[in-house]
Protein backbone atom coordinates (compact mmCIF):
# COMPACT_ATOMS: atom_id res chain seq x y z
CA MET A 1 -0.13 -0.31 0.13
CA GLN A 2 1.14 3.52 -0.93
CA ASN A 3 2.36 5.67 1.97
CA GLN A 4 0.01 8.44 0.03
CA VAL A 5 -3.70 9.98 -0.61
CA VAL A 6 -4.86 11.22 -3.69
CA ILE A 7 -7.93 13.52 -3.20
CA LYS A 8 -9.71 14.72 -6.64
CA ASN A 9 -12.74 16.26 -5.37
CA ARG A 10 -13.72 19.01 -2.97
CA ILE A 11 -16.01 17.74 0.19
CA GLY A 12 -19.58 18.32 0.00
CA ASN A 13 -22.04 20.07 2.70
CA TYR A 14 -22.79 18.14 6.04
CA ASN A 15 -24.04 18.70 9.23
CA GLU A 16 -22.30 16.64 11.84
CA LYS A 17 -20.82 16.08 15.09
CA ILE A 18 -17.90 14.65 16.17
CA LEU A 19 -15.30 14.15 19.26
CA VAL A 20 -12.11 14.50 18.05
CA PRO A 21 -8.79 12.30 20.28
CA GLY A 22 -7.14 13.64 23.44
CA ASP A 23 -4.77 16.90 23.74
CA LYS A 24 -1.74 15.96 22.91
CA SER A 25 0.05 18.48 25.46
CA ILE A 26 -1.94 17.15 28.20
CA SER A 27 -1.75 13.77 27.49
CA ILE A 28 2.42 14.08 27.59
CA ARG A 29 2.23 16.08 30.44
CA TRP A 30 -0.48 13.71 32.27
CA ILE A 31 2.31 10.60 31.68
CA LEU A 32 5.38 12.31 33.25
CA VAL A 33 3.70 14.19 36.08
CA ALA A 34 1.61 10.57 36.82
CA SER A 35 4.89 8.78 36.42
CA LEU A 36 6.41 10.67 39.50
CA ALA A 37 3.01 10.36 41.53
CA ASN A 38 2.52 8.32 44.59
CA GLY A 39 -0.33 5.66 43.55
CA VAL A 40 -2.13 4.76 40.40
CA SER A 41 -3.04 7.64 37.95
CA THR A 42 -6.10 6.61 35.50
CA ALA A 43 -6.58 8.13 32.31
CA LYS A 44 -9.61 8.13 29.80
CA ASN A 45 -9.24 9.59 25.93
CA LEU A 46 -5.27 9.47 26.14
CA LEU A 47 -4.08 10.45 22.67
CA ILE A 48 -3.13 7.25 21.37
CA SER A 49 0.10 8.48 18.80
CA GLU A 50 3.29 8.13 18.34
CA ASP A 51 4.34 10.72 20.51
CA VAL A 52 2.36 9.86 23.52
CA ILE A 53 3.53 5.95 23.09
CA ALA A 54 6.92 6.89 22.76
CA THR A 55 6.49 9.10 26.25
CA ILE A 56 4.86 5.97 27.81
CA ASN A 57 8.01 4.02 26.74
CA ALA A 58 10.43 6.69 28.18
CA VAL A 59 9.15 6.19 31.51
CA LYS A 60 8.99 2.77 31.50
CA LYS A 61 12.59 2.71 30.59
CA LEU A 62 12.79 4.55 33.59
CA GLY A 63 11.47 1.80 35.58
CA VAL A 64 7.60 3.00 35.60
CA LYS A 65 4.90 -0.14 35.26
CA VAL A 66 2.00 1.20 32.73
CA LYS A 67 -0.68 -0.82 31.52
CA ILE A 68 -2.76 0.64 28.66
CA ASN A 69 -5.64 0.03 25.93
CA LYS A 70 -8.40 1.66 24.14
CA ALA A 71 -10.38 2.18 27.10
CA PHE A 72 -7.94 3.74 29.61
CA CYS A 73 -4.37 4.00 30.55
CA LYS A 74 -3.09 3.13 34.13
CA ILE A 75 0.30 4.40 35.33
CA TYR A 76 1.77 3.17 38.71
CA GLY A 77 3.55 6.59 40.32
CA VAL A 78 7.03 5.83 41.19
CA GLY A 79 7.34 8.67 43.41
CA ILE A 80 9.21 12.18 42.98
CA ASN A 81 12.76 10.85 43.45
CA GLY A 82 11.91 7.05 42.37
CA TYR A 83 12.95 6.83 38.72
CA LYS A 84 15.46 3.75 38.54
CA TYR A 85 18.59 4.92 37.03
CA LYS A 86 21.20 2.70 35.51
CA ARG A 87 23.84 2.94 33.02
CA GLY A 88 23.04 2.93 28.68
CA ILE A 89 19.76 4.14 28.93
CA THR A 90 18.66 5.71 25.58
CA ILE A 91 15.58 7.44 25.43
CA ASN A 92 13.86 7.61 21.82
CA ALA A 93 11.90 10.91 21.72
CA GLN A 94 10.83 10.09 18.29
CA ASN A 95 9.41 13.01 16.47
CA SER A 96 8.13 14.64 19.53
CA GLY A 97 9.66 17.84 20.75
CA THR A 98 7.52 18.01 23.91
CA LEU A 99 8.75 14.47 25.50
CA GLY A 100 12.06 15.58 24.15
CA ARG A 101 12.70 18.92 26.00
CA LEU A 102 10.63 18.20 29.03
CA ILE A 103 11.62 15.10 30.15
CA SER A 104 14.80 16.79 30.01
CA GLY A 105 14.15 18.86 33.04
CA LEU A 106 12.73 15.30 34.86
CA LEU A 107 16.06 14.09 34.46
CA ILE A 108 18.59 16.77 36.09
CA ASP A 109 19.19 14.19 39.22
CA THR A 110 20.25 11.26 36.76
CA PRO A 111 23.92 9.77 38.06
CA PHE A 112 24.41 8.32 35.04
CA PRO A 113 24.14 9.42 31.37
CA ILE A 114 21.21 9.44 29.63
CA LYS A 115 21.08 9.75 26.01
CA ILE A 116 18.37 11.50 24.18
CA ILE A 117 17.57 10.26 20.31
CA GLY A 118 15.16 11.41 18.13
CA ASP A 119 13.96 11.39 14.09
CA LYS A 120 15.32 12.87 11.41
CA SER A 121 13.46 15.93 11.64
CA LEU A 122 13.75 15.80 15.47
CA SER A 123 17.06 15.74 15.57
CA LYS A 124 17.31 19.32 13.18
CA ARG A 125 15.48 21.09 15.92
CA ASP A 126 17.57 23.39 18.78
CA PHE A 127 17.85 21.94 22.13
CA LYS A 128 20.52 24.17 23.32
CA ARG A 129 17.42 26.25 24.44
CA ILE A 130 16.70 23.31 26.51
CA ALA A 131 20.49 23.00 27.62
CA THR A 132 21.29 26.44 28.54
CA PRO A 133 18.96 26.26 31.37
CA LEU A 134 19.45 22.90 32.66
CA ARG A 135 23.25 23.53 32.95
CA LYS A 136 22.31 26.27 35.24
CA PHE A 137 20.83 24.18 37.57
CA GLY A 138 24.44 21.84 37.51
CA ALA A 139 23.55 19.34 35.07
CA HIS A 140 26.24 18.29 32.40
CA ILE A 141 24.80 18.06 29.13
CA LYS A 142 26.31 17.43 25.71
CA LEU A 143 24.79 17.75 22.31
CA LYS A 144 25.81 17.31 18.58
CA ASN A 145 27.18 20.53 17.15
CA ASN A 146 26.11 22.26 20.34
CA PHE A 147 22.26 22.40 19.87
CA ARG A 148 20.80 19.16 18.11
CA LEU A 149 20.23 15.81 19.63
CA PRO A 150 21.86 13.14 20.15
CA LEU A 151 21.29 15.24 23.95
CA THR A 152 23.93 13.39 26.85
CA ILE A 153 22.72 14.51 30.16
CA ILE A 154 24.10 13.68 33.26
CA GLY A 155 22.76 14.81 36.37
CA SER A 156 24.13 16.95 40.36
CA ARG A 157 24.04 15.83 43.68
CA TYR A 158 24.53 19.71 43.84
CA LEU A 159 21.50 21.13 42.41
CA LYS A 160 20.94 24.94 42.73
CA PRO A 161 18.05 26.70 41.63
CA ILE A 162 18.11 29.56 39.22
CA SER A 163 16.73 32.75 38.23
CA TYR A 164 15.65 32.38 34.16
CA LEU A 165 14.26 34.42 31.24
CA GLU A 166 12.75 32.53 28.61
CA ASP A 167 11.91 35.21 25.57
CA LYS A 168 11.10 32.87 23.08
CA GLY A 169 7.34 31.66 24.11
CA SER A 170 8.23 28.18 24.39
CA ALA A 171 5.75 26.20 26.53
CA GLN A 172 8.24 23.72 26.13
CA VAL A 173 11.28 25.76 27.52
CA LYS A 174 9.16 26.69 30.20
CA SER A 175 8.00 23.22 31.23
CA ALA A 176 11.19 21.63 31.59
CA ILE A 177 12.77 24.56 33.87
CA ILE A 178 9.56 24.22 36.06
CA PHE A 179 10.15 20.60 36.09
CA ALA A 180 13.79 20.50 36.73
CA GLY A 181 12.91 23.39 39.57
CA ALA A 182 10.46 21.02 41.17
CA LYS A 183 13.20 18.26 41.96
CA THR A 184 15.70 21.41 43.02
CA ASN A 185 15.84 22.25 46.92
CA GLY A 186 15.43 26.32 46.71
CA LYS A 187 13.11 28.39 45.09
CA THR A 188 13.53 28.70 40.80
CA LEU A 189 12.30 32.13 39.91
CA LEU A 190 11.65 31.91 35.92
CA ARG A 191 10.30 34.91 33.69
CA ALA A 192 8.69 34.08 30.67
CA SER A 193 6.79 35.08 27.69
CA ARG A 194 3.11 34.29 27.01
CA SER A 195 2.89 30.50 25.97
CA ARG A 196 0.49 27.27 26.66
CA ASN A 197 -0.09 26.91 30.18
CA HIS A 198 -0.34 23.23 30.77
CA THR A 199 2.06 22.49 32.90
CA GLU A 200 1.36 25.34 35.40
CA LEU A 201 -2.70 24.37 35.51
CA LEU A 202 -2.05 20.59 36.22
CA PHE A 203 0.77 22.04 39.47
CA LYS A 204 -1.48 24.25 40.57
CA HIS A 205 -4.80 21.59 40.16
CA LEU A 206 -2.29 19.06 42.20
CA LYS A 207 -1.56 21.84 44.64
CA LEU A 208 1.93 21.74 43.85
CA PRO A 209 4.63 24.14 45.11
CA ILE A 210 4.20 26.43 42.19
CA LYS A 211 3.26 30.58 42.20
CA LEU A 212 2.15 32.57 39.19
CA LYS A 213 1.88 35.93 38.97
CA HIS A 214 0.55 37.33 35.12
CA LYS A 215 1.78 40.54 33.82
CA LYS A 216 0.78 42.33 30.81
CA ASN A 217 3.12 40.39 28.25
CA PHE A 218 5.00 37.49 30.54
CA ASP A 219 4.69 35.64 33.34
CA LEU A 220 6.71 35.22 36.66
CA ILE A 221 7.00 31.64 37.43
CA GLU A 222 8.23 30.49 41.56
CA VAL A 223 8.83 26.91 41.35
CA SER A 224 9.86 25.14 44.82
CA LYS A 225 10.97 21.70 45.33
CA ILE A 226 7.93 18.92 45.09
CA ASN A 227 8.12 16.16 48.17
CA LYS A 228 4.84 14.44 46.98
CA ILE A 229 2.68 14.22 44.33
CA LYS A 230 -0.85 12.78 44.12
CA ALA A 231 -2.73 10.45 42.26
CA LEU A 232 -4.25 12.00 39.08
CA ASN A 233 -7.06 10.67 37.47
CA TYR A 234 -7.71 12.56 34.03
CA LYS A 235 -10.48 12.37 31.02
CA ILE A 236 -8.26 14.30 28.54
CA PRO A 237 -10.46 17.10 27.24
CA SER A 238 -10.23 16.79 22.86
CA ASP A 239 -6.65 18.40 21.04
CA LEU A 240 -8.00 21.97 19.85
CA SER A 241 -5.02 21.69 17.45
CA SER A 242 -6.40 18.84 16.14
CA CYS A 243 -9.65 20.23 16.25
CA ALA A 244 -8.24 23.06 13.84
CA PHE A 245 -8.22 21.02 10.81
CA PHE A 246 -12.31 20.49 11.00
CA ILE A 247 -12.77 24.10 12.09
CA ILE A 248 -10.91 25.08 8.85
CA LEU A 249 -12.51 23.15 6.48
CA THR A 250 -16.02 23.82 7.62
CA LEU A 251 -15.43 27.19 7.10
CA LEU A 252 -14.11 26.52 4.02
CA SER A 253 -17.24 24.43 2.61
CA LYS A 254 -20.54 25.56 1.21
CA ASN A 255 -23.84 25.39 3.46
CA SER A 256 -21.82 23.42 6.13
CA SER A 257 -21.95 22.87 10.32
CA LEU A 258 -20.37 21.00 12.68
CA LEU A 259 -20.47 20.57 16.15
CA ILE A 260 -17.12 19.89 17.83
CA LYS A 261 -17.41 18.25 21.64
CA ASN A 262 -15.54 18.42 24.47
CA VAL A 263 -12.70 20.84 23.54
CA ASN A 264 -9.96 21.88 25.72
CA VAL A 265 -10.33 26.01 24.89
CA ASN A 266 -7.38 26.84 27.36
CA PRO A 267 -6.70 30.81 26.85
CA SER A 268 -3.22 30.37 25.90
CA ARG A 269 -4.37 27.89 23.09
CA ILE A 270 -7.13 29.90 21.31
CA GLY A 271 -5.18 32.35 19.28
CA MET A 272 -6.18 30.92 16.26
CA ILE A 273 -10.19 31.21 17.06
CA THR A 274 -9.51 35.00 17.62
CA ILE A 275 -8.00 35.46 14.03
CA LEU A 276 -10.47 33.54 12.76
CA LYS A 277 -13.36 35.71 14.41
CA LYS A 278 -11.18 38.86 13.09
CA MET A 279 -11.64 37.68 9.30
CA GLY A 280 -15.32 37.34 9.91
CA ALA A 281 -15.76 33.57 11.25
CA LYS A 282 -19.03 31.80 12.66
CA ILE A 283 -17.39 30.10 15.79
CA PHE A 284 -19.33 29.74 18.91
CA PHE A 285 -18.30 27.96 22.14
CA LYS A 286 -21.24 25.86 23.85
CA ASN A 287 -21.36 24.43 27.20
CA GLN A 288 -18.19 25.78 28.35
CA LYS A 289 -16.58 24.81 31.77
CA ILE A 290 -13.65 24.39 34.00
CA TYR A 291 -12.15 21.04 34.53
CA LYS A 292 -8.63 20.09 36.25
CA GLY A 293 -8.06 23.67 35.98
CA GLU A 294 -8.46 23.57 31.85
CA LYS A 295 -11.68 25.19 30.08
CA ILE A 296 -13.53 23.37 28.48
CA SER A 297 -15.72 23.84 25.73
CA ASP A 298 -18.03 22.37 22.64
CA ILE A 299 -17.14 23.99 19.72
CA LEU A 300 -20.11 25.31 17.07
CA VAL A 301 -18.67 25.90 13.07
CA LYS A 302 -20.91 27.56 10.35
CA SER A 303 -19.48 27.92 6.63
CA SER A 304 -17.74 31.46 5.60
CA LYS A 305 -19.57 33.46 3.08
CA THR A 306 -17.14 35.81 2.93
CA ILE A 307 -13.68 36.16 4.43
CA LYS A 308 -11.81 39.18 5.50
CA SER A 309 -8.10 39.62 5.27
CA ILE A 310 -6.25 40.47 8.29
CA ASN A 311 -2.83 42.02 9.47
CA CYS A 312 -2.32 39.61 12.19
CA PRO A 313 -1.41 41.13 15.68
CA SER A 314 1.94 39.28 16.44
CA LYS A 315 0.52 39.12 20.07
CA LEU A 316 -1.90 35.78 19.34
CA ASN A 317 1.53 34.04 17.44
CA SER A 318 2.50 32.11 20.66
CA SER A 319 -1.03 30.83 21.35
CA THR A 320 -1.48 30.35 17.45
CA ILE A 321 1.70 28.70 16.61
CA ASP A 322 0.54 25.24 15.44
CA GLU A 323 -2.06 26.73 13.40
CA PHE A 324 -0.36 28.88 10.98
CA LEU A 325 -0.26 26.83 8.36
CA LEU A 326 -4.34 26.24 8.02
CA LEU A 327 -4.78 30.48 8.82
CA PHE A 328 -2.45 30.69 5.71
CA ILE A 329 -4.84 28.28 3.80
CA TYR A 330 -8.20 30.42 5.11
CA ALA A 331 -6.41 33.82 4.28
CA ALA A 332 -5.64 32.24 -0.02
CA LYS A 333 -9.76 32.79 -0.06
CA ALA A 334 -9.57 36.08 1.63
CA THR A 335 -10.67 39.63 -0.05
CA GLY A 336 -7.30 41.41 -0.11
CA VAL A 337 -4.24 40.72 1.33
CA SER A 338 -3.22 39.24 4.54
CA TYR A 339 -0.05 39.78 6.80
CA PHE A 340 1.26 37.41 9.08
CA LYS A 341 4.49 38.60 10.78
CA ASN A 342 7.22 37.70 13.61
CA LEU A 343 7.07 34.27 12.79
CA GLY A 344 10.37 33.10 13.07
CA GLU A 345 9.54 30.31 15.08
CA LEU A 346 7.55 28.26 12.58
CA ASN A 347 10.81 27.74 10.90
CA LYS A 348 11.98 25.79 14.12
CA LYS A 349 9.01 23.59 14.32
CA GLU A 350 9.12 19.75 12.72
CA SER A 351 9.91 21.66 9.35
CA PRO A 352 10.37 25.43 8.10
CA ARG A 353 6.65 25.38 8.07
CA LEU A 354 6.78 29.39 7.23
CA LYS A 355 8.46 28.59 3.96
CA LEU A 356 6.58 25.32 2.91
CA GLY A 357 3.04 27.43 3.78
CA ALA A 358 4.34 29.54 1.02
CA LYS A 359 5.23 26.98 -1.69
CA ILE A 360 1.82 25.32 -0.95
CA LEU A 361 0.04 28.44 -1.55
CA ASN A 362 2.22 29.26 -4.82
CA LYS A 363 1.53 25.88 -6.02
CA MET A 364 -2.40 26.71 -5.34
CA GLY A 365 -2.09 30.08 -7.71
CA ILE A 366 -1.98 32.40 -4.85
CA LYS A 367 0.51 35.02 -4.81
CA THR A 368 2.78 35.15 -1.63
CA ILE A 369 5.87 37.25 -0.38
CA THR A 370 7.64 36.08 1.73
CA THR A 371 10.80 37.35 4.24
CA LYS A 372 12.42 34.90 7.20
CA ASP A 373 9.87 35.53 9.54
CA SER A 374 6.86 36.72 7.80
CA ILE A 375 4.46 36.41 4.79
CA LYS A 376 1.91 38.43 2.87
CA ILE A 377 -0.96 36.37 1.06
CA PHE A 378 -2.71 37.50 -1.54
CA GLY A 379 -6.43 36.51 -1.38
CA ASN A 380 -8.49 35.36 -3.88
CA PRO A 381 -12.03 35.27 -3.08
CA ASN A 382 -12.81 32.60 -6.03
CA LEU A 383 -10.11 30.25 -6.25
CA LYS A 384 -10.68 26.74 -7.77
CA VAL A 385 -7.68 24.94 -8.11
CA ASN A 386 -7.64 23.35 -11.42
CA LYS A 387 -4.38 21.32 -11.73
CA LYS A 388 -2.42 18.58 -10.65
CA ILE A 389 -0.43 19.32 -7.13
CA VAL A 390 2.30 16.91 -5.25
CA ILE A 391 2.82 17.57 -1.87
CA LYS A 392 6.14 15.77 -0.77
CA ASN A 393 9.53 16.47 0.96
CA PHE A 394 8.39 18.22 3.97
CA LEU A 395 10.35 15.77 6.85
CA LYS A 396 7.12 13.86 7.16
CA ASP A 397 5.68 16.74 9.05
CA HIS A 398 2.16 16.11 10.16
CA ARG A 399 0.50 19.66 9.88
CA VAL A 400 1.95 19.95 6.63
CA PHE A 401 0.21 16.74 5.48
CA MET A 402 -3.08 17.38 7.41
CA THR A 403 -3.08 21.16 6.33
CA SER A 404 -2.36 19.81 2.48
CA VAL A 405 -5.24 17.51 2.90
CA ILE A 406 -7.62 20.16 4.02
CA ALA A 407 -6.28 22.24 1.00
CA ALA A 408 -7.38 19.45 -1.54
CA LEU A 409 -10.71 19.02 0.29
CA SER A 410 -11.59 22.91 0.04
CA PHE A 411 -10.48 23.75 -3.13
CA LYS A 412 -10.36 21.19 -5.33
CA GLY A 413 -7.70 19.87 -8.22
CA PHE A 414 -5.81 16.49 -8.05
CA TRP A 415 -4.00 16.16 -4.98
CA THR A 416 -1.30 13.50 -4.84
CA ILE A 417 -0.08 13.94 -0.83
CA LYS A 418 2.80 12.24 0.06
CA ASP A 419 3.97 10.53 3.89
CA LYS A 420 0.39 9.78 5.04
CA ASP A 421 2.22 7.87 7.89
CA SER A 422 3.20 11.21 9.29
CA ILE A 423 0.07 11.32 10.84
CA ASN A 424 0.88 8.42 13.33
CA SER A 425 2.78 11.13 15.41
CA SER A 426 -0.13 13.21 16.43
CA PHE A 427 -3.84 12.31 14.78
CA PRO A 428 -3.59 8.87 13.55
CA ASN A 429 -7.83 8.55 12.81
CA PHE A 430 -7.47 11.87 11.04
CA LEU A 431 -8.53 10.43 7.57
CA LYS A 432 -10.98 8.24 9.03
CA LEU A 433 -13.13 11.03 10.90
CA LEU A 434 -12.85 13.43 7.53
CA LYS A 435 -14.64 10.35 5.42
CA LYS A 436 -17.24 10.17 8.44
CA LEU A 437 -18.04 13.58 7.21
CA GLY A 438 -18.19 12.31 3.53
CA ALA A 439 -14.32 13.63 2.47
CA LYS A 440 -13.54 11.18 -0.49
CA ILE A 441 -9.75 9.89 0.19
CA ASN A 442 -7.94 7.64 -1.73
């Protein structure tokens, strides 16, 4: 069976209700925190993807017992100091920057070298941003070419708390520092640019020693050493980043509506929704509630008849970083020129997404002007694709694959999209859900 999909037709109209798999960011964080808890933690709707399985395999290598099936996952926590460190451990983070960076913070006290490796894509990403603060704690870290995987870490018996400025808006760096601080005597102080705050909310919910102060453009975080974590049962809410593909598809489809149930709408994640509403999209939150410190809601989406262009505010970048490829596709059908700026971080993800986003738009016949960190998109409200398009050589980036599928179903054409198995890292049943809505995908 070929590792590609072929799409020849737009999706038809639909009026459906779906449930998207569990949030990847929360799934990974729950596994890591539960592994160090006292007692047995149980999760339902845990995302079963390659990134999450890699996280489970990582904690197993550290002596943690895990039971998992389609209905639930049980983790038998070993306590905050309970990891069984031994010589020769290698952790394969595969494609997961979240796993590779966050677990580095938890390994801050290993007496033996532990090596972290990843796939071809992850091995191109910057791990110096993790190594720098962890070295300040007292850990010894070796990186390839000073910033790439493999990363080898040896902890210290004399860890010391740090004060650190995280100015890139990276939730992964922030979380790694919080985890390291939780294993270090004293108070670690972190001034962090605004980014996803799932780790902080999880710590607050568990009543762990963390203090938060929210300023206008940054957060002040104080974390102290943890002595004990209580077991945590969690019904993981749906992943907004996965829902985003269906939101854009519905907006670009004719006479359609979609209700997505039980979605995590954490304010640090909904930048895309804010941007889409500025562009005139009909998106509504229903049945909102707070669960384990996270905001949860059903999301109702209705087709867009007209799309306004946007000069996108940079302050929304960190809360939108995984959805920009989809926003580029949406802006392709806007009236006027849309401008997205200060997006250098986009080229430091699984692939150079800013460059690839422009390339996809150009293949569709949309004019773009790009710099190293910005893109102007000259929208065409009457856009229809009437040619063959092949999408390949994108470092098996799951979001490039899925965005290309949404573009094909929205604008027609004859699309061949390579590396179908890339979705296994984050959203294995993506194509199955699309077919439920009536998409014809070969």
